[in-house]
Amino acid sequence: MRNKNFALFVVAILALFVVMTGCSQNRTFTHATERSQISESFPRMWIDYKGEKYTFVKVYSEKEAAAIQQDNLIDTGEVTGTGDGVESDLPIFKDTATNNLFVCSSYQNQKEWVEFKR
């Protein structure tokens, strides 16, 4: 009887361990205030533009978009594609002052700008 209780105890501990490790919260994308900060849990985002790889810098919400010098943005006539690490078919804009790239997307009915640098 004692061995049976011990075996049940070991099985219960192992089951608890499996449940706890299998149910951990491994988020791959963070929204809200964390969205504009690069972190290890943020997915890698990039754009391949004219043979150069541009990597994610920041997401600008509608409110933060005023910080972008819109007069410096020119439409490149290109759109993001399936080989890019972002949503496809987004128009690509280039900042003439910094040479950084921007794409504009909608998230939960709000317009957002995403910046990429070489």
PDB file of N, CA and C in Angstrom:
ATOM      1  N   MET A   1       0.814  -1.191   0.000  1.00  0.00           N
ATOM      2  CA  MET A   1       0.000   0.000   0.000  1.00  0.00           C
ATOM      3  C   MET A   1       0.863   1.261   0.000  1.00  0.00           C
ATOM      4  N   ARG A   2       1.939   1.194   0.758  1.00  0.00           N
ATOM      5  CA  ARG A   2       2.821   2.354   0.850  1.00  0.00           C
ATOM      6  C   ARG A   2       3.466   2.673  -0.499  1.00  0.00           C
ATOM      7  N   ASN A   3       3.907   1.644  -1.233  1.00  0.00           N
ATOM      8  CA  ASN A   3       4.499   1.846  -2.552  1.00  0.00           C
ATOM      9  C   ASN A   3       3.486   2.429  -3.528  1.00  0.00           C
ATOM     10  N   LYS A   4       2.224   2.009  -3.398  1.00  0.00           N
ATOM     11  CA  LYS A   4       1.182   2.516  -4.282  1.00  0.00           C
ATOM     12  C   LYS A   4       0.956   4.010  -4.029  1.00  0.00           C
ATOM     13  N   ASN A   5       0.930   4.437  -2.759  1.00  0.00           N
ATOM     14  CA  ASN A   5       0.762   5.847  -2.425  1.00  0.00           C
ATOM     15  C   ASN A   5       1.947   6.673  -2.923  1.00  0.00           C
ATOM     16  N   PHE A   6       3.146   6.134  -2.780  1.00  0.00           N
ATOM     17  CA  PHE A   6       4.328   6.830  -3.253  1.00  0.00           C
ATOM     18  C   PHE A   6       4.289   6.997  -4.772  1.00  0.00           C
ATOM     19  N   ALA A   7       3.888   5.948  -5.485  1.00  0.00           N
ATOM     20  CA  ALA A   7       3.798   6.003  -6.943  1.00  0.00           C
ATOM     21  C   ALA A   7       2.762   7.048  -7.364  1.00  0.00           C
ATOM     22  N   LEU A   8       1.630   7.094  -6.694  1.00  0.00           N
ATOM     23  CA  LEU A   8       0.607   8.093  -7.001  1.00  0.00           C
ATOM     24  C   LEU A   8       1.137   9.507  -6.736  1.00  0.00           C
ATOM     25  N   PHE A   9       1.884   9.671  -5.672  1.00  0.00           N
ATOM     26  CA  PHE A   9       2.469  10.963  -5.337  1.00  0.00           C
ATOM     27  C   PHE A   9       3.438  11.414  -6.441  1.00  0.00           C
ATOM     28  N   VAL A  10       4.293  10.516  -6.912  1.00  0.00           N
ATOM     29  CA  VAL A  10       5.253  10.833  -7.967  1.00  0.00           C
ATOM     30  C   VAL A  10       4.513  11.190  -9.259  1.00  0.00           C
ATOM     31  N   VAL A  11       3.492  10.432  -9.597  1.00  0.00           N
ATOM     32  CA  VAL A  11       2.719  10.709 -10.810  1.00  0.00           C
ATOM     33  C   VAL A  11       2.035  12.069 -10.696  1.00  0.00           C
ATOM     34  N   ALA A  12       1.492  12.401  -9.534  1.00  0.00           N
ATOM     35  CA  ALA A  12       0.831  13.695  -9.335  1.00  0.00           C
ATOM     36  C   ALA A  12       1.826  14.838  -9.480  1.00  0.00           C
ATOM     37  N   ILE A  13       3.024  14.697  -8.918  1.00  0.00           N
ATOM     38  CA  ILE A  13       4.051  15.727  -9.033  1.00  0.00           C
ATOM     39  C   ILE A  13       4.467  15.900 -10.492  1.00  0.00           C
ATOM     40  N   LEU A  14       4.684  14.807 -11.200  1.00  0.00           N
ATOM     41  CA  LEU A  14       5.057  14.888 -12.611  1.00  0.00           C
ATOM     42  C   LEU A  14       3.950  15.543 -13.441  1.00  0.00           C
ATOM     43  N   ALA A  15       2.707  15.186 -13.176  1.00  0.00           N
ATOM     44  CA  ALA A  15       1.584  15.780 -13.906  1.00  0.00           C
ATOM     45  C   ALA A  15       1.514  17.281 -13.649  1.00  0.00           C
ATOM     46  N   LEU A  16       1.713  17.682 -12.403  1.00  0.00           N
ATOM     47  CA  LEU A  16       1.708  19.105 -12.057  1.00  0.00           C
ATOM     48  C   LEU A  16       2.840  19.833 -12.781  1.00  0.00           C
ATOM     49  N   PHE A  17       4.002  19.227 -12.829  1.00  0.00           N
ATOM     50  CA  PHE A  17       5.137  19.820 -13.531  1.00  0.00           C
ATOM     51  C   PHE A  17       4.824  20.006 -15.013  1.00  0.00           C
ATOM     52  N   VAL A  18       4.256  18.982 -15.654  1.00  0.00           N
ATOM     53  CA  VAL A  18       3.922  19.061 -17.076  1.00  0.00           C
ATOM     54  C   VAL A  18       2.890  20.157 -17.322  1.00  0.00           C
ATOM     55  N   VAL A  19       1.876  20.242 -16.490  1.00  0.00           N
ATOM     56  CA  VAL A  19       0.841  21.259 -16.653  1.00  0.00           C
ATOM     57  C   VAL A  19       1.428  22.655 -16.479  1.00  0.00           C
ATOM     58  N   MET A  20       2.263  22.843 -15.490  1.00  0.00           N
ATOM     59  CA  MET A  20       2.826  24.173 -15.241  1.00  0.00           C
ATOM     60  C   MET A  20       3.773  24.614 -16.351  1.00  0.00           C
ATOM     61  N   THR A  21       4.584  23.730 -16.873  1.00  0.00           N
ATOM     62  CA  THR A  21       5.502  24.122 -17.935  1.00  0.00           C
ATOM     63  C   THR A  21       4.790  24.241 -19.273  1.00  0.00           C
ATOM     64  N   GLY A  22       3.758  23.472 -19.492  1.00  0.00           N
ATOM     65  CA  GLY A  22       3.016  23.533 -20.744  1.00  0.00           C
ATOM     66  C   GLY A  22       2.081  24.709 -20.833  1.00  0.00           C
ATOM     67  N   CYS A  23       1.751  25.339 -19.727  1.00  0.00           N
ATOM     68  CA  CYS A  23       0.800  26.434 -19.712  1.00  0.00           C
ATOM     69  C   CYS A  23       1.460  27.781 -19.449  1.00  0.00           C
ATOM     70  N   SER A  24       2.753  27.869 -19.652  1.00  0.00           N
ATOM     71  CA  SER A  24       3.414  29.146 -19.422  1.00  0.00           C
ATOM     72  C   SER A  24       2.994  30.146 -20.490  1.00  0.00           C
ATOM     73  N   GLN A  25       3.051  31.423 -20.173  1.00  0.00           N
ATOM     74  CA  GLN A  25       2.619  32.456 -21.093  1.00  0.00           C
ATOM     75  C   GLN A  25       3.808  32.977 -21.888  1.00  0.00           C
ATOM     76  N   ASN A  26       4.085  32.342 -23.002  1.00  0.00           N
ATOM     77  CA  ASN A  26       5.156  32.798 -23.888  1.00  0.00           C
ATOM     78  C   ASN A  26       4.537  33.664 -24.963  1.00  0.00           C
ATOM     79  N   ARG A  27       4.497  34.960 -24.740  1.00  0.00           N
ATOM     80  CA  ARG A  27       3.918  35.858 -25.725  1.00  0.00           C
ATOM     81  C   ARG A  27       4.964  36.166 -26.782  1.00  0.00           C
ATOM     82  N   THR A  28       4.516  36.266 -28.026  1.00  0.00           N
ATOM     83  CA  THR A  28       5.438  36.602 -29.090  1.00  0.00           C
ATOM     84  C   THR A  28       5.221  38.013 -29.600  1.00  0.00           C
ATOM     85  N   PHE A  29       4.170  38.688 -29.165  1.00  0.00           N
ATOM     86  CA  PHE A  29       3.898  40.041 -29.625  1.00  0.00           C
ATOM     87  C   PHE A  29       3.241  40.799 -28.496  1.00  0.00           C
ATOM     88  N   THR A  30       3.727  41.968 -28.210  1.00  0.00           N
ATOM     89  CA  THR A  30       3.144  42.769 -27.160  1.00  0.00           C
ATOM     90  C   THR A  30       2.512  44.009 -27.757  1.00  0.00           C
ATOM     91  N   HIS A  31       1.378  44.409 -27.232  1.00  0.00           N
ATOM     92  CA  HIS A  31       0.653  45.565 -27.744  1.00  0.00           C
ATOM     93  C   HIS A  31       0.647  46.679 -26.703  1.00  0.00           C
ATOM     94  N   ALA A  32      -0.167  47.668 -26.933  1.00  0.00           N
ATOM     95  CA  ALA A  32      -0.366  48.808 -26.033  1.00  0.00           C
ATOM     96  C   ALA A  32       0.927  49.568 -25.835  1.00  0.00           C
ATOM     97  N   THR A  33       1.261  49.881 -24.586  1.00  0.00           N
ATOM     98  CA  THR A  33       2.411  50.746 -24.345  1.00  0.00           C
ATOM     99  C   THR A  33       3.734  50.058 -24.668  1.00  0.00           C
ATOM    100  N   GLU A  34       3.783  48.728 -24.605  1.00  0.00           N
ATOM    101  CA  GLU A  34       5.024  48.013 -24.888  1.00  0.00           C
ATOM    102  C   GLU A  34       5.295  47.916 -26.387  1.00  0.00           C
ATOM    103  N   ARG A  35       4.298  48.186 -27.207  1.00  0.00           N
ATOM    104  CA  ARG A  35       4.394  47.952 -28.640  1.00  0.00           C
ATOM    105  C   ARG A  35       5.533  48.725 -29.294  1.00  0.00           C
ATOM    106  N   SER A  36       5.829  49.914 -28.815  1.00  0.00           N
ATOM    107  CA  SER A  36       6.840  50.731 -29.478  1.00  0.00           C
ATOM    108  C   SER A  36       8.257  50.444 -29.003  1.00  0.00           C
ATOM    109  N   GLN A  37       8.422  49.490 -28.115  1.00  0.00           N
ATOM    110  CA  GLN A  37       9.752  49.170 -27.614  1.00  0.00           C
ATOM    111  C   GLN A  37      10.191  47.822 -28.135  1.00  0.00           C
ATOM    112  N   ILE A  38      11.446  47.731 -28.531  1.00  0.00           N
ATOM    113  CA  ILE A  38      11.991  46.460 -28.983  1.00  0.00           C
ATOM    114  C   ILE A  38      12.269  45.603 -27.758  1.00  0.00           C
ATOM    115  N   SER A  39      11.834  44.364 -27.798  1.00  0.00           N
ATOM    116  CA  SER A  39      12.124  43.444 -26.706  1.00  0.00           C
ATOM    117  C   SER A  39      12.392  42.075 -27.302  1.00  0.00           C
ATOM    118  N   GLU A  40      12.900  41.189 -26.499  1.00  0.00           N
ATOM    119  CA  GLU A  40      13.221  39.857 -26.981  1.00  0.00           C
ATOM    120  C   GLU A  40      11.979  39.096 -27.403  1.00  0.00           C
ATOM    121  N   SER A  41      10.817  39.428 -26.840  1.00  0.00           N
ATOM    122  CA  SER A  41       9.610  38.700 -27.206  1.00  0.00           C
ATOM    123  C   SER A  41       8.974  39.258 -28.469  1.00  0.00           C
ATOM    124  N   PHE A  42       9.439  40.407 -28.959  1.00  0.00           N
ATOM    125  CA  PHE A  42       8.868  41.007 -30.157  1.00  0.00           C
ATOM    126  C   PHE A  42       9.366  40.242 -31.378  1.00  0.00           C
ATOM    127  N   PRO A  43       8.474  39.934 -32.314  1.00  0.00           N
ATOM    128  CA  PRO A  43       8.932  39.192 -33.484  1.00  0.00           C
ATOM    129  C   PRO A  43       9.893  40.015 -34.322  1.00  0.00           C
ATOM    130  N   ARG A  44      10.767  39.368 -35.011  1.00  0.00           N
ATOM    131  CA  ARG A  44      11.701  40.062 -35.887  1.00  0.00           C
ATOM    132  C   ARG A  44      10.928  40.536 -37.108  1.00  0.00           C
ATOM    133  N   MET A  45      11.003  41.825 -37.391  1.00  0.00           N
ATOM    134  CA  MET A  45      10.324  42.395 -38.547  1.00  0.00           C
ATOM    135  C   MET A  45      11.370  43.051 -39.430  1.00  0.00           C
ATOM    136  N   TRP A  46      11.210  42.909 -40.733  1.00  0.00           N
ATOM    137  CA  TRP A  46      12.160  43.483 -41.656  1.00  0.00           C
ATOM    138  C   TRP A  46      11.488  43.737 -42.993  1.00  0.00           C
ATOM    139  N   ILE A  47      12.171  44.536 -43.802  1.00  0.00           N
ATOM    140  CA  ILE A  47      11.774  44.764 -45.185  1.00  0.00           C
ATOM    141  C   ILE A  47      13.039  44.645 -46.032  1.00  0.00           C
ATOM    142  N   ASP A  48      12.969  43.862 -47.103  1.00  0.00           N
ATOM    143  CA  ASP A  48      14.041  43.820 -48.090  1.00  0.00           C
ATOM    144  C   ASP A  48      13.678  44.825 -49.173  1.00  0.00           C
ATOM    145  N   TYR A  49      14.489  45.884 -49.285  1.00  0.00           N
ATOM    146  CA  TYR A  49      14.201  46.955 -50.228  1.00  0.00           C
ATOM    147  C   TYR A  49      15.429  47.214 -51.074  1.00  0.00           C
ATOM    148  N   LYS A  50      15.313  46.981 -52.359  1.00  0.00           N
ATOM    149  CA  LYS A  50      16.402  47.187 -53.323  1.00  0.00           C
ATOM    150  C   LYS A  50      17.688  46.477 -52.890  1.00  0.00           C
ATOM    151  N   GLY A  51      17.541  45.231 -52.440  1.00  0.00           N
ATOM    152  CA  GLY A  51      18.690  44.422 -52.064  1.00  0.00           C
ATOM    153  C   GLY A  51      19.254  44.696 -50.686  1.00  0.00           C
ATOM    154  N   GLU A  52      18.661  45.625 -49.950  1.00  0.00           N
ATOM    155  CA  GLU A  52      19.114  45.958 -48.592  1.00  0.00           C
ATOM    156  C   GLU A  52      18.075  45.511 -47.577  1.00  0.00           C
ATOM    157  N   LYS A  53      18.531  45.024 -46.443  1.00  0.00           N
ATOM    158  CA  LYS A  53      17.617  44.597 -45.389  1.00  0.00           C
ATOM    159  C   LYS A  53      17.441  45.729 -44.378  1.00  0.00           C
ATOM    160  N   TYR A  54      16.204  46.136 -44.173  1.00  0.00           N
ATOM    161  CA  TYR A  54      15.852  47.157 -43.198  1.00  0.00           C
ATOM    162  C   TYR A  54      15.157  46.460 -42.030  1.00  0.00           C
ATOM    163  N   THR A  55      15.570  46.780 -40.807  1.00  0.00           N
ATOM    164  CA  THR A  55      15.006  46.115 -39.636  1.00  0.00           C
ATOM    165  C   THR A  55      14.139  47.067 -38.825  1.00  0.00           C
ATOM    166  N   PHE A  56      13.250  46.483 -38.049  1.00  0.00           N
ATOM    167  CA  PHE A  56      12.280  47.215 -37.253  1.00  0.00           C
ATOM    168  C   PHE A  56      12.949  48.193 -36.286  1.00  0.00           C
ATOM    169  N   VAL A  57      12.375  49.402 -36.191  1.00  0.00           N
ATOM    170  CA  VAL A  57      12.827  50.401 -35.231  1.00  0.00           C
ATOM    171  C   VAL A  57      11.732  50.686 -34.223  1.00  0.00           C
ATOM    172  N   LYS A  58      10.543  51.087 -34.711  1.00  0.00           N
ATOM    173  CA  LYS A  58       9.497  51.528 -33.800  1.00  0.00           C
ATOM    174  C   LYS A  58       8.142  51.525 -34.490  1.00  0.00           C
ATOM    175  N   VAL A  59       7.090  51.346 -33.683  1.00  0.00           N
ATOM    176  CA  VAL A  59       5.713  51.511 -34.142  1.00  0.00           C
ATOM    177  C   VAL A  59       5.201  52.827 -33.592  1.00  0.00           C
ATOM    178  N   TYR A  60       4.633  53.654 -34.464  1.00  0.00           N
ATOM    179  CA  TYR A  60       4.063  54.938 -34.069  1.00  0.00           C
ATOM    180  C   TYR A  60       2.542  54.828 -34.111  1.00  0.00           C
ATOM    181  N   SER A  61       1.883  55.078 -32.993  1.00  0.00           N
ATOM    182  CA  SER A  61       0.422  55.089 -32.969  1.00  0.00           C
ATOM    183  C   SER A  61      -0.076  56.332 -33.694  1.00  0.00           C
ATOM    184  N   GLU A  62      -1.383  56.436 -33.866  1.00  0.00           N
ATOM    185  CA  GLU A  62      -1.937  57.630 -34.518  1.00  0.00           C
ATOM    186  C   GLU A  62      -1.517  58.897 -33.784  1.00  0.00           C
ATOM    187  N   LYS A  63      -1.501  58.844 -32.464  1.00  0.00           N
ATOM    188  CA  LYS A  63      -1.118  60.013 -31.669  1.00  0.00           C
ATOM    189  C   LYS A  63       0.361  60.337 -31.833  1.00  0.00           C
ATOM    190  N   GLU A  64       1.196  59.308 -31.904  1.00  0.00           N
ATOM    191  CA  GLU A  64       2.644  59.502 -32.024  1.00  0.00           C
ATOM    192  C   GLU A  64       3.078  59.864 -33.447  1.00  0.00           C
ATOM    193  N   ALA A  65       2.202  59.657 -34.427  1.00  0.00           N
ATOM    194  CA  ALA A  65       2.559  59.892 -35.829  1.00  0.00           C
ATOM    195  C   ALA A  65       2.928  61.343 -36.099  1.00  0.00           C
ATOM    196  N   ALA A  66       2.505  62.250 -35.250  1.00  0.00           N
ATOM    197  CA  ALA A  66       2.863  63.664 -35.428  1.00  0.00           C
ATOM    198  C   ALA A  66       4.378  63.862 -35.318  1.00  0.00           C
ATOM    199  N   ALA A  67       5.070  62.952 -34.649  1.00  0.00           N
ATOM    200  CA  ALA A  67       6.522  63.051 -34.501  1.00  0.00           C
ATOM    201  C   ALA A  67       7.251  62.721 -35.806  1.00  0.00           C
ATOM    202  N   ILE A  68       6.558  62.070 -36.727  1.00  0.00           N
ATOM    203  CA  ILE A  68       7.164  61.728 -38.017  1.00  0.00           C
ATOM    204  C   ILE A  68       7.074  62.948 -38.929  1.00  0.00           C
ATOM    205  N   GLN A  69       8.179  63.307 -39.522  1.00  0.00           N
ATOM    206  CA  GLN A  69       8.193  64.429 -40.469  1.00  0.00           C
ATOM    207  C   GLN A  69       7.569  63.959 -41.785  1.00  0.00           C
ATOM    208  N   GLN A  70       6.245  64.068 -41.865  1.00  0.00           N
ATOM    209  CA  GLN A  70       5.510  63.564 -43.030  1.00  0.00           C
ATOM    210  C   GLN A  70       5.965  64.221 -44.330  1.00  0.00           C
ATOM    211  N   ASP A  71       6.445  65.468 -44.269  1.00  0.00           N
ATOM    212  CA  ASP A  71       6.922  66.148 -45.474  1.00  0.00           C
ATOM    213  C   ASP A  71       8.159  65.479 -46.059  1.00  0.00           C
ATOM    214  N   ASN A  72       8.887  64.742 -45.218  1.00  0.00           N
ATOM    215  CA  ASN A  72      10.100  64.055 -45.673  1.00  0.00           C
ATOM    216  C   ASN A  72       9.813  62.683 -46.276  1.00  0.00           C
ATOM    217  N   LEU A  73       8.582  62.178 -46.128  1.00  0.00           N
ATOM    218  CA  LEU A  73       8.254  60.844 -46.622  1.00  0.00           C
ATOM    219  C   LEU A  73       7.849  60.895 -48.088  1.00  0.00           C
ATOM    220  N   ILE A  74       8.490  60.046 -48.880  1.00  0.00           N
ATOM    221  CA  ILE A  74       8.100  59.930 -50.287  1.00  0.00           C
ATOM    222  C   ILE A  74       7.648  58.494 -50.550  1.00  0.00           C
ATOM    223  N   ASP A  75       6.644  58.355 -51.383  1.00  0.00           N
ATOM    224  CA  ASP A  75       6.153  57.039 -51.763  1.00  0.00           C
ATOM    225  C   ASP A  75       7.154  56.443 -52.745  1.00  0.00           C
ATOM    226  N   THR A  76       7.678  55.262 -52.433  1.00  0.00           N
ATOM    227  CA  THR A  76       8.682  54.629 -53.290  1.00  0.00           C
ATOM    228  C   THR A  76       8.053  53.940 -54.495  1.00  0.00           C
ATOM    229  N   GLY A  77       6.746  53.769 -54.465  1.00  0.00           N
ATOM    230  CA  GLY A  77       6.079  53.021 -55.529  1.00  0.00           C
ATOM    231  C   GLY A  77       6.186  51.519 -55.339  1.00  0.00           C
ATOM    232  N   GLU A  78       6.839  51.099 -54.271  1.00  0.00           N
ATOM    233  CA  GLU A  78       7.000  49.677 -53.948  1.00  0.00           C
ATOM    234  C   GLU A  78       6.048  49.300 -52.821  1.00  0.00           C
ATOM    235  N   VAL A  79       5.739  48.019 -52.721  1.00  0.00           N
ATOM    236  CA  VAL A  79       4.924  47.501 -51.613  1.00  0.00           C
ATOM    237  C   VAL A  79       5.657  46.332 -50.976  1.00  0.00           C
ATOM    238  N   THR A  80       5.321  46.047 -49.739  1.00  0.00           N
ATOM    239  CA  THR A  80       5.919  44.911 -49.048  1.00  0.00           C
ATOM    240  C   THR A  80       5.430  43.627 -49.709  1.00  0.00           C
ATOM    241  N   GLY A  81       6.291  42.612 -49.666  1.00  0.00           N
ATOM    242  CA  GLY A  81       5.963  41.344 -50.320  1.00  0.00           C
ATOM    243  C   GLY A  81       6.043  40.170 -49.372  1.00  0.00           C
ATOM    244  N   THR A  82       5.893  38.994 -49.937  1.00  0.00           N
ATOM    245  CA  THR A  82       5.888  37.774 -49.118  1.00  0.00           C
ATOM    246  C   THR A  82       7.256  37.474 -48.518  1.00  0.00           C
ATOM    247  N   GLY A  83       8.337  38.013 -49.081  1.00  0.00           N
ATOM    248  CA  GLY A  83       9.677  37.792 -48.534  1.00  0.00           C
ATOM    249  C   GLY A  83      10.031  38.730 -47.409  1.00  0.00           C
ATOM    250  N   ASP A  84       9.147  39.680 -47.121  1.00  0.00           N
ATOM    251  CA  ASP A  84       9.383  40.628 -46.036  1.00  0.00           C
ATOM    252  C   ASP A  84       8.793  40.092 -44.742  1.00  0.00           C
ATOM    253  N   GLY A  85       9.343  40.523 -43.643  1.00  0.00           N
ATOM    254  CA  GLY A  85       8.863  40.080 -42.339  1.00  0.00           C
ATOM    255  C   GLY A  85       7.760  40.968 -41.800  1.00  0.00           C
ATOM    256  N   VAL A  86       6.885  41.441 -42.673  1.00  0.00           N
ATOM    257  CA  VAL A  86       5.721  42.247 -42.288  1.00  0.00           C
ATOM    258  C   VAL A  86       4.555  41.857 -43.185  1.00  0.00           C
ATOM    259  N   GLU A  87       3.417  42.428 -42.909  1.00  0.00           N
ATOM    260  CA  GLU A  87       2.226  42.208 -43.726  1.00  0.00           C
ATOM    261  C   GLU A  87       2.518  42.577 -45.181  1.00  0.00           C
ATOM    262  N   SER A  88       2.004  41.798 -46.116  1.00  0.00           N
ATOM    263  CA  SER A  88       2.231  42.049 -47.546  1.00  0.00           C
ATOM    264  C   SER A  88       1.334  43.157 -48.072  1.00  0.00           C
ATOM    265  N   ASP A  89       1.769  43.742 -49.189  1.00  0.00           N
ATOM    266  CA  ASP A  89       1.011  44.750 -49.947  1.00  0.00           C
ATOM    267  C   ASP A  89       0.841  46.085 -49.232  1.00  0.00           C
ATOM    268  N   LEU A  90       1.759  46.424 -48.344  1.00  0.00           N
ATOM    269  CA  LEU A  90       1.735  47.744 -47.717  1.00  0.00           C
ATOM    270  C   LEU A  90       2.649  48.673 -48.509  1.00  0.00           C
ATOM    271  N   PRO A  91       2.191  49.867 -48.867  1.00  0.00           N
ATOM    272  CA  PRO A  91       3.063  50.812 -49.577  1.00  0.00           C
ATOM    273  C   PRO A  91       4.277  51.176 -48.718  1.00  0.00           C
ATOM    274  N   ILE A  92       5.438  51.246 -49.350  1.00  0.00           N
ATOM    275  CA  ILE A  92       6.679  51.582 -48.652  1.00  0.00           C
ATOM    276  C   ILE A  92       7.002  53.051 -48.904  1.00  0.00           C
ATOM    277  N   PHE A  93       7.263  53.782 -47.827  1.00  0.00           N
ATOM    278  CA  PHE A  93       7.650  55.189 -47.895  1.00  0.00           C
ATOM    279  C   PHE A  93       9.086  55.316 -47.408  1.00  0.00           C
ATOM    280  N   LYS A  94       9.823  56.270 -47.986  1.00  0.00           N
ATOM    281  CA  LYS A  94      11.208  56.500 -47.579  1.00  0.00           C
ATOM    282  C   LYS A  94      11.331  57.908 -47.022  1.00  0.00           C
ATOM    283  N   ASP A  95      12.019  58.020 -45.882  1.00  0.00           N
ATOM    284  CA  ASP A  95      12.277  59.316 -45.264  1.00  0.00           C
ATOM    285  C   ASP A  95      13.525  59.899 -45.930  1.00  0.00           C
ATOM    286  N   THR A  96      13.370  61.041 -46.591  1.00  0.00           N
ATOM    287  CA  THR A  96      14.499  61.635 -47.322  1.00  0.00           C
ATOM    288  C   THR A  96      15.588  62.156 -46.389  1.00  0.00           C
ATOM    289  N   ALA A  97      15.248  62.423 -45.138  1.00  0.00           N
ATOM    290  CA  ALA A  97      16.243  62.935 -44.188  1.00  0.00           C
ATOM    291  C   ALA A  97      17.090  61.818 -43.587  1.00  0.00           C
ATOM    292  N   THR A  98      16.462  60.686 -43.258  1.00  0.00           N
ATOM    293  CA  THR A  98      17.169  59.601 -42.568  1.00  0.00           C
ATOM    294  C   THR A  98      17.424  58.383 -43.442  1.00  0.00           C
ATOM    295  N   ASN A  99      16.760  58.299 -44.578  1.00  0.00           N
ATOM    296  CA  ASN A  99      16.770  57.124 -45.459  1.00  0.00           C
ATOM    297  C   ASN A  99      16.125  55.903 -44.816  1.00  0.00           C
ATOM    298  N   ASN A 100      15.416  56.089 -43.703  1.00  0.00           N
ATOM    299  CA  ASN A 100      14.664  54.997 -43.102  1.00  0.00           C
ATOM    300  C   ASN A 100      13.396  54.761 -43.909  1.00  0.00           C
ATOM    301  N   LEU A 101      12.858  53.552 -43.795  1.00  0.00           N
ATOM    302  CA  LEU A 101      11.620  53.208 -44.479  1.00  0.00           C
ATOM    303  C   LEU A 101      10.465  53.211 -43.489  1.00  0.00           C
ATOM    304  N   PHE A 102       9.282  53.505 -43.993  1.00  0.00           N
ATOM    305  CA  PHE A 102       8.063  53.478 -43.197  1.00  0.00           C
ATOM    306  C   PHE A 102       6.986  52.738 -43.968  1.00  0.00           C
ATOM    307  N   VAL A 103       6.145  52.014 -43.260  1.00  0.00           N
ATOM    308  CA  VAL A 103       4.916  51.465 -43.826  1.00  0.00           C
ATOM    309  C   VAL A 103       3.781  51.878 -42.905  1.00  0.00           C
ATOM    310  N   CYS A 104       2.607  52.011 -43.486  1.00  0.00           N
ATOM    311  CA  CYS A 104       1.431  52.396 -42.716  1.00  0.00           C
ATOM    312  C   CYS A 104       0.466  51.228 -42.725  1.00  0.00           C
ATOM    313  N   SER A 105      -0.023  50.878 -41.554  1.00  0.00           N
ATOM    314  CA  SER A 105      -0.932  49.754 -41.417  1.00  0.00           C
ATOM    315  C   SER A 105      -2.053  50.120 -40.468  1.00  0.00           C
ATOM    316  N   SER A 106      -3.088  49.324 -40.464  1.00  0.00           N
ATOM    317  CA  SER A 106      -4.179  49.524 -39.513  1.00  0.00           C
ATOM    318  C   SER A 106      -4.162  48.386 -38.509  1.00  0.00           C
ATOM    319  N   TYR A 107      -4.327  48.749 -37.258  1.00  0.00           N
ATOM    320  CA  TYR A 107      -4.405  47.771 -36.176  1.00  0.00           C
ATOM    321  C   TYR A 107      -5.595  48.147 -35.330  1.00  0.00           C
ATOM    322  N   GLN A 108      -6.569  47.262 -35.250  1.00  0.00           N
ATOM    323  CA  GLN A 108      -7.803  47.510 -34.499  1.00  0.00           C
ATOM    324  C   GLN A 108      -8.400  48.872 -34.877  1.00  0.00           C
ATOM    325  N   ASN A 109      -8.536  49.086 -36.194  1.00  0.00           N
ATOM    326  CA  ASN A 109      -9.130  50.305 -36.750  1.00  0.00           C
ATOM    327  C   ASN A 109      -8.362  51.572 -36.409  1.00  0.00           C
ATOM    328  N   GLN A 110      -7.107  51.459 -36.069  1.00  0.00           N
ATOM    329  CA  GLN A 110      -6.272  52.626 -35.819  1.00  0.00           C
ATOM    330  C   GLN A 110      -5.074  52.572 -36.756  1.00  0.00           C
ATOM    331  N   LYS A 111      -4.776  53.699 -37.354  1.00  0.00           N
ATOM    332  CA  LYS A 111      -3.654  53.797 -38.282  1.00  0.00           C
ATOM    333  C   LYS A 111      -2.344  53.850 -37.499  1.00  0.00           C
ATOM    334  N   GLU A 112      -1.382  53.041 -37.939  1.00  0.00           N
ATOM    335  CA  GLU A 112      -0.069  53.011 -37.302  1.00  0.00           C
ATOM    336  C   GLU A 112       1.011  53.092 -38.372  1.00  0.00           C
ATOM    337  N   TRP A 113       2.096  53.762 -38.036  1.00  0.00           N
ATOM    338  CA  TRP A 113       3.275  53.810 -38.891  1.00  0.00           C
ATOM    339  C   TRP A 113       4.346  52.949 -38.247  1.00  0.00           C
ATOM    340  N   VAL A 114       5.047  52.183 -39.068  1.00  0.00           N
ATOM    341  CA  VAL A 114       6.141  51.347 -38.579  1.00  0.00           C
ATOM    342  C   VAL A 114       7.410  51.780 -39.285  1.00  0.00           C
ATOM    343  N   GLU A 115       8.460  52.024 -38.487  1.00  0.00           N
ATOM    344  CA  GLU A 115       9.737  52.516 -39.018  1.00  0.00           C
ATOM    345  C   GLU A 115      10.760  51.385 -39.079  1.00  0.00           C
ATOM    346  N   PHE A 116      11.546  51.384 -40.160  1.00  0.00           N
ATOM    347  CA  PHE A 116      12.613  50.409 -40.360  1.00  0.00           C
ATOM    348  C   PHE A 116      13.889  51.142 -40.756  1.00  0.00           C
ATOM    349  N   LYS A 117      15.034  50.655 -40.294  1.00  0.00           N
ATOM    350  CA  LYS A 117      16.308  51.277 -40.703  1.00  0.00           C
ATOM    351  C   LYS A 117      17.250  50.218 -41.233  1.00  0.00           C
ATOM    352  N   ARG A 118      18.215  50.676 -42.038  1.00  0.00           N
ATOM    353  CA  ARG A 118      19.181  49.786 -42.649  1.00  0.00           C
ATOM    354  C   ARG A 118      20.254  49.406 -41.678  1.00  0.00           C
TER     355      ARG A 118
END
